[in-house]
């Protein structure tokens, strides 16, 4: 077992980096990248992933790397304000969206952002600001959902390069609807979170299936 390291964060308060936890998070992120790449969820260099390391730190994938070919060198340590620790690599601007979710959702231990065709197309087709997926047995694959009659809700936001503004919009939506299981950015992709990386990967798989079903139902109408 490695000794933890004390580091400073953007709020000026010290936080402890558990190196064993970082090693586990790195392996989980690498494995998630391989699986999601094989499933066509993160084409080209799309997507970004993270794991919570502490109440102020996260492990997040570096900018511009192919998620199917991640190595430990692509996993960065950052506080939630995206001040990187011990690296010259750059995190994606969207890493702030991960940090905001960890700030607002204490139960979230992993976050996955993917770019599947279903998420991309449905986010453009849907006119409202909330997508409700109802009546599907696979709804029960989402944490906290016990019945197919329970709607799975995703917030929908317009795409923007103003990440700080988007993070504030996401924060406001979460405050208004604590039951959200993720959100879509139009023409962009899906963000979802869960209490473990295994559960988060299950969310991605289930939500992508459900969005594909929703697209087909709309085509049939």
C-alpha atoms as a PDB file:
ATOM      1  CA  UNK A   1       0.000   0.000   0.000  1.00  0.00           C
ATOM      2  CA  UNK A   2       1.357   3.415  -1.007  1.00  0.00           C
ATOM      3  CA  UNK A   3       1.503   6.378   1.351  1.00  0.00           C
ATOM      4  CA  UNK A   4      -0.999   9.138   0.449  1.00  0.00           C
ATOM      5  CA  UNK A   5       0.295  12.474  -0.855  1.00  0.00           C
ATOM      6  CA  UNK A   6      -1.003  15.836   0.399  1.00  0.00           C
ATOM      7  CA  UNK A   7      -1.579  18.397  -2.366  1.00  0.00           C
ATOM      8  CA  UNK A   8      -3.226  21.805  -2.638  1.00  0.00           C
ATOM      9  CA  UNK A   9      -6.415  22.415  -4.588  1.00  0.00           C
ATOM     10  CA  UNK A  10      -7.867  25.514  -6.220  1.00  0.00           C
ATOM     11  CA  UNK A  11      -9.852  26.422  -3.108  1.00  0.00           C
ATOM     12  CA  UNK A  12      -6.611  26.589  -1.130  1.00  0.00           C
ATOM     13  CA  UNK A  13      -7.489  23.602   1.024  1.00  0.00           C
ATOM     14  CA  UNK A  14      -5.245  20.542   1.152  1.00  0.00           C
ATOM     15  CA  UNK A  15      -6.468  17.219  -0.191  1.00  0.00           C
ATOM     16  CA  UNK A  16      -4.956  13.766  -0.001  1.00  0.00           C
ATOM     17  CA  UNK A  17      -4.112  11.750  -3.099  1.00  0.00           C
ATOM     18  CA  UNK A  18      -4.319   8.014  -2.473  1.00  0.00           C
ATOM     19  CA  UNK A  19      -1.919   6.465  -5.001  1.00  0.00           C
ATOM     20  CA  UNK A  20      -3.531   3.038  -4.757  1.00  0.00           C
ATOM     21  CA  UNK A  21      -6.909   4.567  -5.509  1.00  0.00           C
ATOM     22  CA  UNK A  22      -5.380   6.429  -8.456  1.00  0.00           C
ATOM     23  CA  UNK A  23      -3.919   3.185  -9.819  1.00  0.00           C
ATOM     24  CA  UNK A  24      -7.319   1.496  -9.577  1.00  0.00           C
ATOM     25  CA  UNK A  25      -9.053   4.465 -11.199  1.00  0.00           C
ATOM     26  CA  UNK A  26      -6.517   4.482 -14.042  1.00  0.00           C
ATOM     27  CA  UNK A  27      -7.138   0.808 -14.733  1.00  0.00           C
ATOM     28  CA  UNK A  28     -10.897   1.312 -14.663  1.00  0.00           C
ATOM     29  CA  UNK A  29     -10.670   4.248 -17.079  1.00  0.00           C
ATOM     30  CA  UNK A  30      -8.423   2.318 -19.459  1.00  0.00           C
ATOM     31  CA  UNK A  31     -10.771  -0.681 -19.436  1.00  0.00           C
ATOM     32  CA  UNK A  32     -13.810   1.557 -19.933  1.00  0.00           C
ATOM     33  CA  UNK A  33     -12.137   3.170 -22.923  1.00  0.00           C
ATOM     34  CA  UNK A  34     -11.408  -0.177 -24.537  1.00  0.00           C
ATOM     35  CA  UNK A  35     -14.966  -1.415 -24.022  1.00  0.00           C
ATOM     36  CA  UNK A  36     -16.653   1.788 -25.176  1.00  0.00           C
ATOM     37  CA  UNK A  37     -14.386   2.035 -28.209  1.00  0.00           C
ATOM     38  CA  UNK A  38     -15.275  -1.543 -29.174  1.00  0.00           C
ATOM     39  CA  UNK A  39     -18.956  -0.611 -28.837  1.00  0.00           C
ATOM     40  CA  UNK A  40     -18.569   2.414 -31.132  1.00  0.00           C
ATOM     41  CA  UNK A  41     -19.330   4.871 -28.335  1.00  0.00           C
ATOM     42  CA  UNK A  42     -16.208   7.042 -28.615  1.00  0.00           C
ATOM     43  CA  UNK A  43     -15.177   7.420 -32.281  1.00  0.00           C
ATOM     44  CA  UNK A  44     -11.960   9.215 -33.211  1.00  0.00           C
ATOM     45  CA  UNK A  45     -10.777  10.987 -30.038  1.00  0.00           C
ATOM     46  CA  UNK A  46     -14.300  11.702 -28.801  1.00  0.00           C
ATOM     47  CA  UNK A  47     -15.465  11.420 -25.221  1.00  0.00           C
ATOM     48  CA  UNK A  48     -13.895  11.898 -21.826  1.00  0.00           C
ATOM     49  CA  UNK A  49     -14.023   9.855 -18.636  1.00  0.00           C
ATOM     50  CA  UNK A  50     -13.303  10.372 -14.960  1.00  0.00           C
ATOM     51  CA  UNK A  51     -13.318   8.772 -11.505  1.00  0.00           C
ATOM     52  CA  UNK A  52     -13.625  10.520  -8.170  1.00  0.00           C
ATOM     53  CA  UNK A  53     -10.433  10.213  -6.097  1.00  0.00           C
ATOM     54  CA  UNK A  54     -11.488  12.203  -3.034  1.00  0.00           C
ATOM     55  CA  UNK A  55     -13.812  14.992  -1.979  1.00  0.00           C
ATOM     56  CA  UNK A  56     -11.729  17.436  -4.066  1.00  0.00           C
ATOM     57  CA  UNK A  57      -9.790  15.368  -6.625  1.00  0.00           C
ATOM     58  CA  UNK A  58     -10.600  13.358  -9.735  1.00  0.00           C
ATOM     59  CA  UNK A  59      -8.758  11.242 -12.275  1.00  0.00           C
ATOM     60  CA  UNK A  60      -9.702  12.411 -15.775  1.00  0.00           C
ATOM     61  CA  UNK A  61      -8.627  11.485 -19.292  1.00  0.00           C
ATOM     62  CA  UNK A  62      -6.272  13.819 -21.151  1.00  0.00           C
ATOM     63  CA  UNK A  63      -7.398  15.922 -24.093  1.00  0.00           C
ATOM     64  CA  UNK A  64      -7.025  14.617 -27.628  1.00  0.00           C
ATOM     65  CA  UNK A  65      -6.294  10.968 -26.867  1.00  0.00           C
ATOM     66  CA  UNK A  66      -8.089   8.003 -28.423  1.00  0.00           C
ATOM     67  CA  UNK A  67     -10.144   6.423 -25.657  1.00  0.00           C
ATOM     68  CA  UNK A  68      -9.663   2.919 -27.016  1.00  0.00           C
ATOM     69  CA  UNK A  69      -5.902   3.213 -26.645  1.00  0.00           C
ATOM     70  CA  UNK A  70      -5.539   4.827 -23.228  1.00  0.00           C
ATOM     71  CA  UNK A  71      -2.472   4.237 -21.079  1.00  0.00           C
ATOM     72  CA  UNK A  72      -1.726   5.353 -17.539  1.00  0.00           C
ATOM     73  CA  UNK A  73       0.038   8.369 -19.050  1.00  0.00           C
ATOM     74  CA  UNK A  74      -3.313   9.594 -20.389  1.00  0.00           C
ATOM     75  CA  UNK A  75      -4.882   9.690 -16.912  1.00  0.00           C
ATOM     76  CA  UNK A  76      -4.516  13.066 -15.207  1.00  0.00           C
ATOM     77  CA  UNK A  77      -5.091  14.106 -11.603  1.00  0.00           C
ATOM     78  CA  UNK A  78      -7.072  17.305 -11.213  1.00  0.00           C
ATOM     79  CA  UNK A  79      -9.112  19.131  -8.652  1.00  0.00           C
ATOM     80  CA  UNK A  80     -12.722  19.833  -9.560  1.00  0.00           C
ATOM     81  CA  UNK A  81     -11.808  23.276 -10.905  1.00  0.00           C
ATOM     82  CA  UNK A  82      -9.463  21.456 -13.342  1.00  0.00           C
ATOM     83  CA  UNK A  83      -6.193  22.605 -11.869  1.00  0.00           C
ATOM     84  CA  UNK A  84      -3.945  19.738 -12.928  1.00  0.00           C
ATOM     85  CA  UNK A  85      -1.450  18.090 -10.612  1.00  0.00           C
ATOM     86  CA  UNK A  86       2.066  17.061 -11.693  1.00  0.00           C
ATOM     87  CA  UNK A  87       1.710  17.032 -15.482  1.00  0.00           C
ATOM     88  CA  UNK A  88       2.260  19.199 -18.540  1.00  0.00           C
ATOM     89  CA  UNK A  89      -0.585  17.472 -20.382  1.00  0.00           C
ATOM     90  CA  UNK A  90      -3.867  19.270 -20.967  1.00  0.00           C
ATOM     91  CA  UNK A  91      -7.282  18.083 -19.882  1.00  0.00           C
ATOM     92  CA  UNK A  92     -10.274  18.652 -22.121  1.00  0.00           C
ATOM     93  CA  UNK A  93     -12.161  21.883 -21.490  1.00  0.00           C
ATOM     94  CA  UNK A  94     -15.100  19.588 -20.742  1.00  0.00           C
ATOM     95  CA  UNK A  95     -13.278  18.265 -17.672  1.00  0.00           C
ATOM     96  CA  UNK A  96     -14.921  21.140 -15.809  1.00  0.00           C
ATOM     97  CA  UNK A  97     -18.287  19.462 -16.458  1.00  0.00           C
ATOM     98  CA  UNK A  98     -16.969  16.403 -14.618  1.00  0.00           C
ATOM     99  CA  UNK A  99     -15.748  18.555 -11.736  1.00  0.00           C
ATOM    100  CA  UNK A 100     -19.102  20.324 -11.472  1.00  0.00           C
ATOM    101  CA  UNK A 101     -20.922  16.986 -11.280  1.00  0.00           C
ATOM    102  CA  UNK A 102     -18.630  15.736  -8.514  1.00  0.00           C
ATOM    103  CA  UNK A 103     -19.219  18.978  -6.615  1.00  0.00           C
ATOM    104  CA  UNK A 104     -22.992  18.669  -6.888  1.00  0.00           C
ATOM    105  CA  UNK A 105     -23.447  14.876  -6.688  1.00  0.00           C
ATOM    106  CA  UNK A 106     -21.603  13.427  -3.679  1.00  0.00           C
ATOM    107  CA  UNK A 107     -22.719   9.900  -4.620  1.00  0.00           C
ATOM    108  CA  UNK A 108     -21.139  10.093  -8.090  1.00  0.00           C
ATOM    109  CA  UNK A 109     -17.937   8.059  -8.252  1.00  0.00           C
ATOM    110  CA  UNK A 110     -17.557   7.820 -12.043  1.00  0.00           C
ATOM    111  CA  UNK A 111     -18.628   9.911 -15.034  1.00  0.00           C
ATOM    112  CA  UNK A 112     -18.598   8.871 -18.687  1.00  0.00           C
ATOM    113  CA  UNK A 113     -19.107  11.176 -21.671  1.00  0.00           C
ATOM    114  CA  UNK A 114     -19.719   9.346 -24.942  1.00  0.00           C
ATOM    115  CA  UNK A 115     -20.441  10.226 -28.569  1.00  0.00           C
ATOM    116  CA  UNK A 116     -22.704   7.473 -29.908  1.00  0.00           C
ATOM    117  CA  UNK A 117     -24.800   7.930 -33.039  1.00  0.00           C
ATOM    118  CA  UNK A 118     -28.024   7.438 -31.052  1.00  0.00           C
ATOM    119  CA  UNK A 119     -27.156  10.176 -28.553  1.00  0.00           C
ATOM    120  CA  UNK A 120     -25.986  12.515 -31.301  1.00  0.00           C
ATOM    121  CA  UNK A 121     -29.049  12.084 -33.530  1.00  0.00           C
ATOM    122  CA  UNK A 122     -31.707  11.944 -30.819  1.00  0.00           C
ATOM    123  CA  UNK A 123     -30.337  15.049 -29.118  1.00  0.00           C
ATOM    124  CA  UNK A 124     -30.869  16.934 -32.384  1.00  0.00           C
ATOM    125  CA  UNK A 125     -34.318  15.454 -33.072  1.00  0.00           C
ATOM    126  CA  UNK A 126     -35.737  16.082 -29.615  1.00  0.00           C
ATOM    127  CA  UNK A 127     -37.284  19.531 -29.254  1.00  0.00           C
ATOM    128  CA  UNK A 128     -37.702  19.802 -25.493  1.00  0.00           C
ATOM    129  CA  UNK A 129     -35.205  20.331 -22.701  1.00  0.00           C
ATOM    130  CA  UNK A 130     -35.892  16.929 -21.093  1.00  0.00           C
ATOM    131  CA  UNK A 131     -35.925  13.520 -22.779  1.00  0.00           C
ATOM    132  CA  UNK A 132     -38.121  10.990 -20.960  1.00  0.00           C
ATOM    133  CA  UNK A 133     -37.606   7.303 -21.753  1.00  0.00           C
ATOM    134  CA  UNK A 134     -40.653   5.382 -20.554  1.00  0.00           C
ATOM    135  CA  UNK A 135     -42.055   1.857 -20.593  1.00  0.00           C
ATOM    136  CA  UNK A 136     -38.840  -0.015 -21.318  1.00  0.00           C
ATOM    137  CA  UNK A 137     -37.827  -2.999 -19.184  1.00  0.00           C
ATOM    138  CA  UNK A 138     -34.194  -1.921 -19.505  1.00  0.00           C
ATOM    139  CA  UNK A 139     -34.998   1.246 -17.574  1.00  0.00           C
ATOM    140  CA  UNK A 140     -34.282  -0.914 -14.520  1.00  0.00           C
ATOM    141  CA  UNK A 141     -30.592  -1.024 -15.495  1.00  0.00           C
ATOM    142  CA  UNK A 142     -30.315   2.542 -14.176  1.00  0.00           C
ATOM    143  CA  UNK A 143     -29.461   3.087 -10.520  1.00  0.00           C
ATOM    144  CA  UNK A 144     -32.535   3.747  -8.399  1.00  0.00           C
ATOM    145  CA  UNK A 145     -35.036   2.569 -11.025  1.00  0.00           C
ATOM    146  CA  UNK A 146     -37.106  -0.405  -9.841  1.00  0.00           C
ATOM    147  CA  UNK A 147     -39.860  -0.550 -12.460  1.00  0.00           C
ATOM    148  CA  UNK A 148     -40.265  -0.234 -16.213  1.00  0.00           C
ATOM    149  CA  UNK A 149     -43.013   2.264 -15.398  1.00  0.00           C
ATOM    150  CA  UNK A 150     -40.461   4.680 -13.924  1.00  0.00           C
ATOM    151  CA  UNK A 151     -39.344   7.227 -16.498  1.00  0.00           C
ATOM    152  CA  UNK A 152     -35.632   7.693 -17.076  1.00  0.00           C
ATOM    153  CA  UNK A 153     -35.023  11.395 -17.633  1.00  0.00           C
ATOM    154  CA  UNK A 154     -32.136  13.064 -19.427  1.00  0.00           C
ATOM    155  CA  UNK A 155     -31.751  16.832 -19.535  1.00  0.00           C
ATOM    156  CA  UNK A 156     -31.039  18.260 -22.992  1.00  0.00           C
ATOM    157  CA  UNK A 157     -28.806  21.284 -23.526  1.00  0.00           C
ATOM    158  CA  UNK A 158     -27.763  23.217 -26.612  1.00  0.00           C
ATOM    159  CA  UNK A 159     -24.145  22.789 -27.611  1.00  0.00           C
ATOM    160  CA  UNK A 160     -21.839  25.620 -26.593  1.00  0.00           C
ATOM    161  CA  UNK A 161     -18.154  26.382 -26.233  1.00  0.00           C
ATOM    162  CA  UNK A 162     -18.856  28.271 -23.000  1.00  0.00           C
ATOM    163  CA  UNK A 163     -18.206  25.385 -20.630  1.00  0.00           C
ATOM    164  CA  UNK A 164     -18.534  27.438 -17.449  1.00  0.00           C
ATOM    165  CA  UNK A 165     -21.981  28.635 -18.520  1.00  0.00           C
ATOM    166  CA  UNK A 166     -22.987  25.080 -19.396  1.00  0.00           C
ATOM    167  CA  UNK A 167     -21.760  23.831 -16.013  1.00  0.00           C
ATOM    168  CA  UNK A 168     -23.966  26.428 -14.311  1.00  0.00           C
ATOM    169  CA  UNK A 169     -26.947  25.373 -16.443  1.00  0.00           C
ATOM    170  CA  UNK A 170     -26.356  21.732 -15.509  1.00  0.00           C
ATOM    171  CA  UNK A 171     -26.109  22.693 -11.842  1.00  0.00           C
ATOM    172  CA  UNK A 172     -29.444  24.502 -12.028  1.00  0.00           C
ATOM    173  CA  UNK A 173     -31.150  21.543 -13.716  1.00  0.00           C
ATOM    174  CA  UNK A 174     -29.827  19.105 -11.123  1.00  0.00           C
ATOM    175  CA  UNK A 175     -31.118  21.348  -8.356  1.00  0.00           C
ATOM    176  CA  UNK A 176     -34.548  21.374 -10.017  1.00  0.00           C
ATOM    177  CA  UNK A 177     -34.620  17.645 -10.859  1.00  0.00           C
ATOM    178  CA  UNK A 178     -32.516  15.414  -8.635  1.00  0.00           C
ATOM    179  CA  UNK A 179     -33.812  12.328 -10.476  1.00  0.00           C
ATOM    180  CA  UNK A 180     -31.870  12.943 -13.689  1.00  0.00           C
ATOM    181  CA  UNK A 181     -29.695  10.039 -14.823  1.00  0.00           C
ATOM    182  CA  UNK A 182     -27.644  12.085 -17.256  1.00  0.00           C
ATOM    183  CA  UNK A 183     -27.836  14.727 -19.920  1.00  0.00           C
ATOM    184  CA  UNK A 184     -27.458  15.187 -23.650  1.00  0.00           C
ATOM    185  CA  UNK A 185     -25.720  18.016 -25.484  1.00  0.00           C
ATOM    186  CA  UNK A 186     -27.303  18.550 -28.894  1.00  0.00           C
ATOM    187  CA  UNK A 187     -25.276  17.105 -31.738  1.00  0.00           C
ATOM    188  CA  UNK A 188     -22.609  16.134 -29.252  1.00  0.00           C
ATOM    189  CA  UNK A 189     -23.267  13.293 -26.856  1.00  0.00           C
ATOM    190  CA  UNK A 190     -24.213  11.869 -23.475  1.00  0.00           C
ATOM    191  CA  UNK A 191     -23.011  12.495 -19.926  1.00  0.00           C
ATOM    192  CA  UNK A 192     -23.970   9.981 -17.254  1.00  0.00           C
ATOM    193  CA  UNK A 193     -22.742   9.206 -13.745  1.00  0.00           C
ATOM    194  CA  UNK A 194     -23.086   6.464 -11.146  1.00  0.00           C
ATOM    195  CA  UNK A 195     -21.871   5.181  -7.799  1.00  0.00           C
ATOM    196  CA  UNK A 196     -19.179   3.020  -9.425  1.00  0.00           C
ATOM    197  CA  UNK A 197     -17.438   2.666 -12.770  1.00  0.00           C
ATOM    198  CA  UNK A 198     -19.197  -0.667 -13.360  1.00  0.00           C
ATOM    199  CA  UNK A 199     -22.581   0.970 -12.826  1.00  0.00           C
ATOM    200  CA  UNK A 200     -21.621   3.941 -14.996  1.00  0.00           C
ATOM    201  CA  UNK A 201     -20.647   1.638 -17.858  1.00  0.00           C
ATOM    202  CA  UNK A 202     -23.982  -0.132 -17.430  1.00  0.00           C
ATOM    203  CA  UNK A 203     -25.726   3.249 -17.629  1.00  0.00           C
ATOM    204  CA  UNK A 204     -24.006   4.058 -20.920  1.00  0.00           C
ATOM    205  CA  UNK A 205     -24.921   0.691 -22.414  1.00  0.00           C
ATOM    206  CA  UNK A 206     -28.533   0.860 -21.234  1.00  0.00           C
ATOM    207  CA  UNK A 207     -29.084   4.496 -22.195  1.00  0.00           C
ATOM    208  CA  UNK A 208     -27.669   3.954 -25.653  1.00  0.00           C
ATOM    209  CA  UNK A 209     -30.024   0.999 -26.187  1.00  0.00           C
ATOM    210  CA  UNK A 210     -32.974   3.021 -24.884  1.00  0.00           C
ATOM    211  CA  UNK A 211     -32.147   5.998 -27.111  1.00  0.00           C
ATOM    212  CA  UNK A 212     -31.894   3.657 -30.096  1.00  0.00           C
ATOM    213  CA  UNK A 213     -35.347   2.276 -29.239  1.00  0.00           C
ATOM    214  CA  UNK A 214     -36.730   5.800 -28.929  1.00  0.00           C
ATOM    215  CA  UNK A 215     -35.353   6.750 -32.332  1.00  0.00           C
ATOM    216  CA  UNK A 216     -36.907   3.663 -33.920  1.00  0.00           C
ATOM    217  CA  UNK A 217     -40.276   4.325 -32.274  1.00  0.00           C
ATOM    218  CA  UNK A 218     -40.249   7.867 -33.624  1.00  0.00           C
ATOM    219  CA  UNK A 219     -39.415   6.551 -37.088  1.00  0.00           C
ATOM    220  CA  UNK A 220     -42.339   4.118 -36.942  1.00  0.00           C
ATOM    221  CA  UNK A 221     -44.913   6.737 -35.933  1.00  0.00           C
END
